[in-house]
Amino acid sequence: MPDPSQLSYEPNVARVFNSREETRHYYNKIARIYDLMAEHSEGPMREMGIKLLDVKPGERVLEIGFGTGHSIVELAKAAGPDGLVCGVDLSDKMVDLAQEFVDAAGFKERVELKRGDGQSLPYPDAMFDALFTSFTLELFDTPEIPRFLAECKRVLKPGGRFAVVAVSKLGKDGTIMQAYEWTHKHFPNLVDCRPIYVKAALEAAGFKIKTQQVETMWVPVEIILGVK
């Protein structure tokens, strides 16, 4: 059987240059200003992904890379008082910030947030009905993505849903995209992620793709719904 990593990526996908610890430190540093930097552009894309996931009352949901916590609160609203929403984020400062947001929204009893790495999720097999991640998959280096997706598949119930929002290599390769990739290559401390082939990565990991949307932020974004 072919190596999944060979199925997921094309040679023109850049590598990630920051270590996991460098990534954690970076997001700790920008946690309090992250929404000012990114919410205007990322928010509408994230909302599309949440709508696609279509969480039902009573479901167990996991978000990986929840950042400041906007999606966690939306997922908790959808899951209702009988549901459970868990979250894992690499940045301890993001965990603290998101917990403040969750508590202020009144969802402390139905939300559990942890600091951790998506390559080793602290949950048992087949725990969740649905998974969500936005602007996180592209932060993993190419060899790490199959490991991350395997962990996602492990904690998802058979037939469970997985919505992914990520910067994509699909779409027009214009000046903005070229400048973005050049900056990532030469200044990874400023642009820590890069565009990837999202649908291909999920298919290689064994997810059945139900829906694929390619939207435009200021770069192309794939919004995918996969099923285990």
C-alpha atoms as a PDB file:
ATOM      1  CA  MET A   1       0.000   0.000   0.000  1.00  0.00           C
ATOM      2  CA  PRO A   2       1.420   3.450  -0.885  1.00  0.00           C
ATOM      3  CA  ASP A   3       2.691   5.694   1.874  1.00  0.00           C
ATOM      4  CA  PRO A   4      -0.182   8.130   2.661  1.00  0.00           C
ATOM      5  CA  SER A   5       2.233  11.031   2.838  1.00  0.00           C
ATOM      6  CA  GLN A   6       3.132  10.432  -0.791  1.00  0.00           C
ATOM      7  CA  LEU A   7      -0.539  10.629  -1.779  1.00  0.00           C
ATOM      8  CA  SER A   8      -1.279  13.823   0.138  1.00  0.00           C
ATOM      9  CA  TYR A   9       1.238  16.284  -1.121  1.00  0.00           C
ATOM     10  CA  GLU A  10       2.712  17.678  -4.290  1.00  0.00           C
ATOM     11  CA  PRO A  11       6.378  18.709  -4.590  1.00  0.00           C
ATOM     12  CA  ASN A  12       5.412  22.396  -4.717  1.00  0.00           C
ATOM     13  CA  VAL A  13       4.010  22.415  -1.174  1.00  0.00           C
ATOM     14  CA  ALA A  14       6.437  24.254   1.125  1.00  0.00           C
ATOM     15  CA  ARG A  15       7.677  22.789   4.388  1.00  0.00           C
ATOM     16  CA  VAL A  16       7.068  24.263   7.848  1.00  0.00           C
ATOM     17  CA  PHE A  17      10.255  25.681   9.338  1.00  0.00           C
ATOM     18  CA  ASN A  18       9.200  26.402  12.928  1.00  0.00           C
ATOM     19  CA  SER A  19       9.415  23.730  15.616  1.00  0.00           C
ATOM     20  CA  ARG A  20       6.354  22.915  17.724  1.00  0.00           C
ATOM     21  CA  GLU A  21       7.901  24.804  20.625  1.00  0.00           C
ATOM     22  CA  GLU A  22       8.546  27.854  18.440  1.00  0.00           C
ATOM     23  CA  THR A  23       4.952  27.698  17.257  1.00  0.00           C
ATOM     24  CA  ARG A  24       3.694  27.497  20.842  1.00  0.00           C
ATOM     25  CA  HIS A  25       5.844  30.476  21.848  1.00  0.00           C
ATOM     26  CA  TYR A  26       4.639  32.527  18.857  1.00  0.00           C
ATOM     27  CA  TYR A  27       0.955  31.999  19.634  1.00  0.00           C
ATOM     28  CA  ASN A  28       1.538  32.664  23.320  1.00  0.00           C
ATOM     29  CA  LYS A  29       3.039  36.005  22.313  1.00  0.00           C
ATOM     30  CA  ILE A  30       0.209  37.079  20.000  1.00  0.00           C
ATOM     31  CA  ALA A  31      -2.755  35.550  21.860  1.00  0.00           C
ATOM     32  CA  ARG A  32      -4.153  38.845  23.136  1.00  0.00           C
ATOM     33  CA  ILE A  33      -3.968  40.536  19.725  1.00  0.00           C
ATOM     34  CA  TYR A  34      -4.788  37.530  17.534  1.00  0.00           C
ATOM     35  CA  ASP A  35      -8.384  38.596  16.859  1.00  0.00           C
ATOM     36  CA  LEU A  36      -7.231  42.055  15.768  1.00  0.00           C
ATOM     37  CA  MET A  37      -4.785  40.402  13.354  1.00  0.00           C
ATOM     38  CA  ALA A  38      -6.951  37.665  11.888  1.00  0.00           C
ATOM     39  CA  GLU A  39     -10.612  37.609  12.943  1.00  0.00           C
ATOM     40  CA  HIS A  40     -11.875  39.860  10.140  1.00  0.00           C
ATOM     41  CA  SER A  41     -10.543  37.510   7.455  1.00  0.00           C
ATOM     42  CA  GLU A  42     -10.690  34.124   9.197  1.00  0.00           C
ATOM     43  CA  GLY A  43     -14.045  34.533  10.938  1.00  0.00           C
ATOM     44  CA  PRO A  44     -16.300  34.151   7.850  1.00  0.00           C
ATOM     45  CA  MET A  45     -14.320  31.102   6.666  1.00  0.00           C
ATOM     46  CA  ARG A  46     -14.596  29.505  10.094  1.00  0.00           C
ATOM     47  CA  GLU A  47     -18.349  30.134  10.182  1.00  0.00           C
ATOM     48  CA  MET A  48     -18.740  28.282   6.880  1.00  0.00           C
ATOM     49  CA  GLY A  49     -16.911  25.301   8.357  1.00  0.00           C
ATOM     50  CA  ILE A  50     -19.090  25.262  11.478  1.00  0.00           C
ATOM     51  CA  LYS A  51     -22.227  25.436   9.339  1.00  0.00           C
ATOM     52  CA  LEU A  52     -20.967  22.507   7.271  1.00  0.00           C
ATOM     53  CA  LEU A  53     -20.283  20.442  10.411  1.00  0.00           C
ATOM     54  CA  ASP A  54     -23.892  20.986  11.539  1.00  0.00           C
ATOM     55  CA  VAL A  55     -23.488  19.942  15.174  1.00  0.00           C
ATOM     56  CA  LYS A  56     -26.649  18.483  16.730  1.00  0.00           C
ATOM     57  CA  PRO A  57     -27.870  18.794  20.343  1.00  0.00           C
ATOM     58  CA  GLY A  58     -26.314  16.195  22.619  1.00  0.00           C
ATOM     59  CA  GLU A  59     -23.276  15.494  20.434  1.00  0.00           C
ATOM     60  CA  ARG A  60     -19.684  15.254  21.614  1.00  0.00           C
ATOM     61  CA  VAL A  61     -17.454  17.595  19.625  1.00  0.00           C
ATOM     62  CA  LEU A  62     -13.703  18.253  19.576  1.00  0.00           C
ATOM     63  CA  GLU A  63     -11.993  21.340  18.182  1.00  0.00           C
ATOM     64  CA  ILE A  64      -8.243  21.193  17.586  1.00  0.00           C
ATOM     65  CA  GLY A  65      -6.451  24.531  17.484  1.00  0.00           C
ATOM     66  CA  PHE A  66      -9.297  26.587  18.955  1.00  0.00           C
ATOM     67  CA  GLY A  67      -7.303  29.795  19.379  1.00  0.00           C
ATOM     68  CA  THR A  68      -9.233  32.530  21.165  1.00  0.00           C
ATOM     69  CA  GLY A  69     -12.323  30.343  21.492  1.00  0.00           C
ATOM     70  CA  HIS A  70     -14.899  31.758  19.073  1.00  0.00           C
ATOM     71  CA  SER A  71     -15.633  28.384  17.480  1.00  0.00           C
ATOM     72  CA  ILE A  72     -15.692  26.614  20.855  1.00  0.00           C
ATOM     73  CA  VAL A  73     -18.561  28.852  21.983  1.00  0.00           C
ATOM     74  CA  GLU A  74     -20.454  28.359  18.709  1.00  0.00           C
ATOM     75  CA  LEU A  75     -20.035  24.590  18.947  1.00  0.00           C
ATOM     76  CA  ALA A  76     -21.177  24.612  22.585  1.00  0.00           C
ATOM     77  CA  LYS A  77     -24.328  26.512  21.605  1.00  0.00           C
ATOM     78  CA  ALA A  78     -25.091  23.928  18.924  1.00  0.00           C
ATOM     79  CA  ALA A  79     -24.359  20.897  21.138  1.00  0.00           C
ATOM     80  CA  GLY A  80     -26.631  22.250  23.838  1.00  0.00           C
ATOM     81  CA  PRO A  81     -26.759  21.459  27.571  1.00  0.00           C
ATOM     82  CA  ASP A  82     -26.673  17.697  26.947  1.00  0.00           C
ATOM     83  CA  GLY A  83     -23.629  17.873  24.671  1.00  0.00           C
ATOM     84  CA  LEU A  84     -19.915  18.132  25.392  1.00  0.00           C
ATOM     85  CA  VAL A  85     -17.366  20.276  23.576  1.00  0.00           C
ATOM     86  CA  CYS A  86     -13.662  19.602  24.100  1.00  0.00           C
ATOM     87  CA  GLY A  87     -10.749  21.603  22.772  1.00  0.00           C
ATOM     88  CA  VAL A  88      -6.997  21.146  22.384  1.00  0.00           C
ATOM     89  CA  ASP A  89      -4.583  23.968  21.549  1.00  0.00           C
ATOM     90  CA  LEU A  90      -0.789  24.082  21.525  1.00  0.00           C
ATOM     91  CA  SER A  91      -0.659  27.511  23.168  1.00  0.00           C
ATOM     92  CA  ASP A  92      -1.257  27.764  26.914  1.00  0.00           C
ATOM     93  CA  LYS A  93      -2.034  31.485  26.537  1.00  0.00           C
ATOM     94  CA  MET A  94      -4.727  30.662  23.981  1.00  0.00           C
ATOM     95  CA  VAL A  95      -6.173  28.101  26.392  1.00  0.00           C
ATOM     96  CA  ASP A  96      -6.371  30.757  29.124  1.00  0.00           C
ATOM     97  CA  LEU A  97      -7.926  33.310  26.772  1.00  0.00           C
ATOM     98  CA  ALA A  98     -10.473  30.865  25.360  1.00  0.00           C
ATOM     99  CA  GLN A  99     -11.416  29.715  28.874  1.00  0.00           C
ATOM    100  CA  GLU A 100     -12.216  33.330  29.781  1.00  0.00           C
ATOM    101  CA  PHE A 101     -14.412  33.569  26.682  1.00  0.00           C
ATOM    102  CA  VAL A 102     -16.173  30.275  27.455  1.00  0.00           C
ATOM    103  CA  ASP A 103     -16.800  31.239  31.085  1.00  0.00           C
ATOM    104  CA  ALA A 104     -18.199  34.641  30.070  1.00  0.00           C
ATOM    105  CA  ALA A 105     -20.594  32.893  27.659  1.00  0.00           C
ATOM    106  CA  GLY A 106     -21.862  30.673  30.475  1.00  0.00           C
ATOM    107  CA  PHE A 107     -20.651  27.372  28.998  1.00  0.00           C
ATOM    108  CA  LYS A 108     -18.089  26.363  31.620  1.00  0.00           C
ATOM    109  CA  GLU A 109     -20.000  23.186  32.564  1.00  0.00           C
ATOM    110  CA  ARG A 110     -20.190  21.811  29.023  1.00  0.00           C
ATOM    111  CA  VAL A 111     -16.742  22.745  27.676  1.00  0.00           C
ATOM    112  CA  GLU A 112     -13.359  21.165  28.506  1.00  0.00           C
ATOM    113  CA  LEU A 113     -10.200  22.868  27.210  1.00  0.00           C
ATOM    114  CA  LYS A 114      -6.690  21.409  27.313  1.00  0.00           C
ATOM    115  CA  ARG A 115      -3.229  22.391  26.149  1.00  0.00           C
ATOM    116  CA  GLY A 116      -1.770  19.733  23.897  1.00  0.00           C
ATOM    117  CA  ASP A 117      -0.445  18.734  20.489  1.00  0.00           C
ATOM    118  CA  GLY A 118      -2.804  17.424  17.831  1.00  0.00           C
ATOM    119  CA  GLN A 119      -0.362  14.636  17.020  1.00  0.00           C
ATOM    120  CA  SER A 120      -1.158  13.003  20.372  1.00  0.00           C
ATOM    121  CA  LEU A 121      -4.745  13.716  21.378  1.00  0.00           C
ATOM    122  CA  PRO A 122      -5.562  13.019  25.057  1.00  0.00           C
ATOM    123  CA  TYR A 123      -8.825  11.181  24.362  1.00  0.00           C
ATOM    124  CA  PRO A 124      -9.931   7.548  23.965  1.00  0.00           C
ATOM    125  CA  ASP A 125     -10.790   5.946  20.644  1.00  0.00           C
ATOM    126  CA  ALA A 126     -14.147   6.793  19.040  1.00  0.00           C
ATOM    127  CA  MET A 127     -15.103   9.400  21.652  1.00  0.00           C
ATOM    128  CA  PHE A 128     -16.443  12.156  19.398  1.00  0.00           C
ATOM    129  CA  ASP A 129     -19.369  12.547  17.009  1.00  0.00           C
ATOM    130  CA  ALA A 130     -17.738  15.475  15.224  1.00  0.00           C
ATOM    131  CA  LEU A 131     -14.352  17.210  14.903  1.00  0.00           C
ATOM    132  CA  PHE A 132     -13.533  20.734  13.803  1.00  0.00           C
ATOM    133  CA  THR A 133     -10.282  22.499  12.963  1.00  0.00           C
ATOM    134  CA  SER A 134      -9.687  25.830  11.263  1.00  0.00           C
ATOM    135  CA  PHE A 135      -6.409  27.418  10.141  1.00  0.00           C
ATOM    136  CA  THR A 136      -4.490  24.722  12.001  1.00  0.00           C
ATOM    137  CA  LEU A 137      -3.807  21.852   9.582  1.00  0.00           C
ATOM    138  CA  GLU A 138      -1.450  24.027   7.527  1.00  0.00           C
ATOM    139  CA  LEU A 139       0.661  24.712  10.641  1.00  0.00           C
ATOM    140  CA  PHE A 140       1.817  21.081  10.710  1.00  0.00           C
ATOM    141  CA  ASP A 141       4.877  20.150   8.669  1.00  0.00           C
ATOM    142  CA  THR A 142       4.307  17.790   5.746  1.00  0.00           C
ATOM    143  CA  PRO A 143       5.372  14.563   7.531  1.00  0.00           C
ATOM    144  CA  GLU A 144       3.291  15.539  10.573  1.00  0.00           C
ATOM    145  CA  ILE A 145      -0.021  15.954   8.738  1.00  0.00           C
ATOM    146  CA  PRO A 146      -0.707  12.210   8.247  1.00  0.00           C
ATOM    147  CA  ARG A 147       0.049  11.594  11.926  1.00  0.00           C
ATOM    148  CA  PHE A 148      -2.295  14.383  12.965  1.00  0.00           C
ATOM    149  CA  LEU A 149      -5.096  13.144  10.705  1.00  0.00           C
ATOM    150  CA  ALA A 150      -4.628   9.581  11.964  1.00  0.00           C
ATOM    151  CA  GLU A 151      -5.158  10.858  15.507  1.00  0.00           C
ATOM    152  CA  CYS A 152      -8.282  12.713  14.381  1.00  0.00           C
ATOM    153  CA  LYS A 153      -9.616   9.548  12.806  1.00  0.00           C
ATOM    154  CA  ARG A 154      -8.824   7.525  15.937  1.00  0.00           C
ATOM    155  CA  VAL A 155     -10.884   9.711  18.306  1.00  0.00           C
ATOM    156  CA  LEU A 156     -13.808  10.042  15.877  1.00  0.00           C
ATOM    157  CA  LYS A 157     -16.716   7.585  16.004  1.00  0.00           C
ATOM    158  CA  PRO A 158     -17.439   5.460  12.901  1.00  0.00           C
ATOM    159  CA  GLY A 159     -19.520   7.657  10.632  1.00  0.00           C
ATOM    160  CA  GLY A 160     -18.358  10.748  12.539  1.00  0.00           C
ATOM    161  CA  ARG A 161     -17.922  14.067  10.749  1.00  0.00           C
ATOM    162  CA  PHE A 162     -14.748  16.137  10.369  1.00  0.00           C
ATOM    163  CA  ALA A 163     -14.819  19.740   9.138  1.00  0.00           C
ATOM    164  CA  VAL A 164     -11.510  21.326   8.124  1.00  0.00           C
ATOM    165  CA  VAL A 165     -10.843  24.924   7.113  1.00  0.00           C
ATOM    166  CA  ALA A 166      -7.325  25.566   5.808  1.00  0.00           C
ATOM    167  CA  VAL A 167      -5.319  27.739   3.436  1.00  0.00           C
ATOM    168  CA  SER A 168      -5.193  25.959   0.095  1.00  0.00           C
ATOM    169  CA  LYS A 169      -2.946  25.494  -2.917  1.00  0.00           C
ATOM    170  CA  LEU A 170      -6.066  25.329  -5.056  1.00  0.00           C
ATOM    171  CA  GLY A 171      -7.208  28.444  -6.841  1.00  0.00           C
ATOM    172  CA  LYS A 172      -5.399  31.145  -8.767  1.00  0.00           C
ATOM    173  CA  ASP A 173      -1.631  31.277  -8.221  1.00  0.00           C
ATOM    174  CA  GLY A 174      -1.400  35.054  -8.387  1.00  0.00           C
ATOM    175  CA  THR A 175       0.946  37.683  -7.025  1.00  0.00           C
ATOM    176  CA  ILE A 176      -0.559  37.614  -3.530  1.00  0.00           C
ATOM    177  CA  MET A 177      -0.100  33.846  -3.203  1.00  0.00           C
ATOM    178  CA  GLN A 178       3.456  34.048  -4.503  1.00  0.00           C
ATOM    179  CA  ALA A 179       4.279  36.824  -2.027  1.00  0.00           C
ATOM    180  CA  TYR A 180       2.672  34.828   0.786  1.00  0.00           C
ATOM    181  CA  GLU A 181       4.711  31.708   0.042  1.00  0.00           C
ATOM    182  CA  TRP A 182       7.908  33.738  -0.414  1.00  0.00           C
ATOM    183  CA  THR A 183       7.380  35.376   2.979  1.00  0.00           C
ATOM    184  CA  HIS A 184       6.744  31.997   4.599  1.00  0.00           C
ATOM    185  CA  LYS A 185       9.997  30.667   3.168  1.00  0.00           C
ATOM    186  CA  HIS A 186      12.169  33.632   4.104  1.00  0.00           C
ATOM    187  CA  PHE A 187      10.430  34.912   7.261  1.00  0.00           C
ATOM    188  CA  PRO A 188       8.726  31.891   8.887  1.00  0.00           C
ATOM    189  CA  ASN A 189       8.585  33.765  12.184  1.00  0.00           C
ATOM    190  CA  LEU A 190       6.113  36.173  10.532  1.00  0.00           C
ATOM    191  CA  VAL A 191       4.199  33.749   8.305  1.00  0.00           C
ATOM    192  CA  ASP A 192       4.295  30.390  10.040  1.00  0.00           C
ATOM    193  CA  CYS A 193       1.885  28.413   7.856  1.00  0.00           C
ATOM    194  CA  ARG A 194       1.660  27.716   4.133  1.00  0.00           C
ATOM    195  CA  PRO A 195      -1.012  26.612   1.631  1.00  0.00           C
ATOM    196  CA  ILE A 196      -1.602  22.860   1.265  1.00  0.00           C
ATOM    197  CA  TYR A 197      -3.855  20.435  -0.617  1.00  0.00           C
ATOM    198  CA  VAL A 198      -6.491  19.900   2.049  1.00  0.00           C
ATOM    199  CA  LYS A 199      -8.912  17.512   0.339  1.00  0.00           C
ATOM    200  CA  ALA A 200      -6.050  15.316  -0.881  1.00  0.00           C
ATOM    201  CA  ALA A 201      -4.624  15.087   2.644  1.00  0.00           C
ATOM    202  CA  LEU A 202      -7.941  13.977   4.116  1.00  0.00           C
ATOM    203  CA  GLU A 203      -8.537  11.441   1.365  1.00  0.00           C
ATOM    204  CA  ALA A 204      -5.076   9.975   1.902  1.00  0.00           C
ATOM    205  CA  ALA A 205      -5.898   9.626   5.611  1.00  0.00           C
ATOM    206  CA  GLY A 206      -8.982   7.567   4.747  1.00  0.00           C
ATOM    207  CA  PHE A 207     -11.752  10.133   5.159  1.00  0.00           C
ATOM    208  CA  LYS A 208     -14.641  10.071   2.705  1.00  0.00           C
ATOM    209  CA  ILE A 209     -15.162  13.600   1.394  1.00  0.00           C
ATOM    210  CA  LYS A 210     -18.792  14.737   1.475  1.00  0.00           C
ATOM    211  CA  THR A 211     -18.332  18.411   0.595  1.00  0.00           C
ATOM    212  CA  GLN A 212     -15.513  20.595  -0.706  1.00  0.00           C
ATOM    213  CA  GLN A 213     -15.699  24.367  -1.030  1.00  0.00           C
ATOM    214  CA  VAL A 214     -12.895  26.600  -2.276  1.00  0.00           C
ATOM    215  CA  GLU A 215     -13.394  30.138  -1.016  1.00  0.00           C
ATOM    216  CA  THR A 216     -11.220  33.242  -1.142  1.00  0.00           C
ATOM    217  CA  MET A 217     -10.032  35.091   1.913  1.00  0.00           C
ATOM    218  CA  TRP A 218      -7.055  37.011   0.606  1.00  0.00           C
ATOM    219  CA  VAL A 219      -5.655  33.600  -0.364  1.00  0.00           C
ATOM    220  CA  PRO A 220      -7.638  30.471  -1.342  1.00  0.00           C
ATOM    221  CA  VAL A 221      -9.199  28.486   1.502  1.00  0.00           C
ATOM    222  CA  GLU A 222     -10.538  24.924   1.318  1.00  0.00           C
ATOM    223  CA  ILE A 223     -13.524  24.114   3.512  1.00  0.00           C
ATOM    224  CA  ILE A 224     -13.950  20.345   3.676  1.00  0.00           C
ATOM    225  CA  LEU A 225     -16.441  18.012   5.325  1.00  0.00           C
ATOM    226  CA  GLY A 226     -15.132  14.466   5.631  1.00  0.00           C
ATOM    227  CA  VAL A 227     -16.636  11.361   7.207  1.00  0.00           C
ATOM    228  CA  LYS A 228     -14.831   8.496   8.926  1.00  0.00           C
END
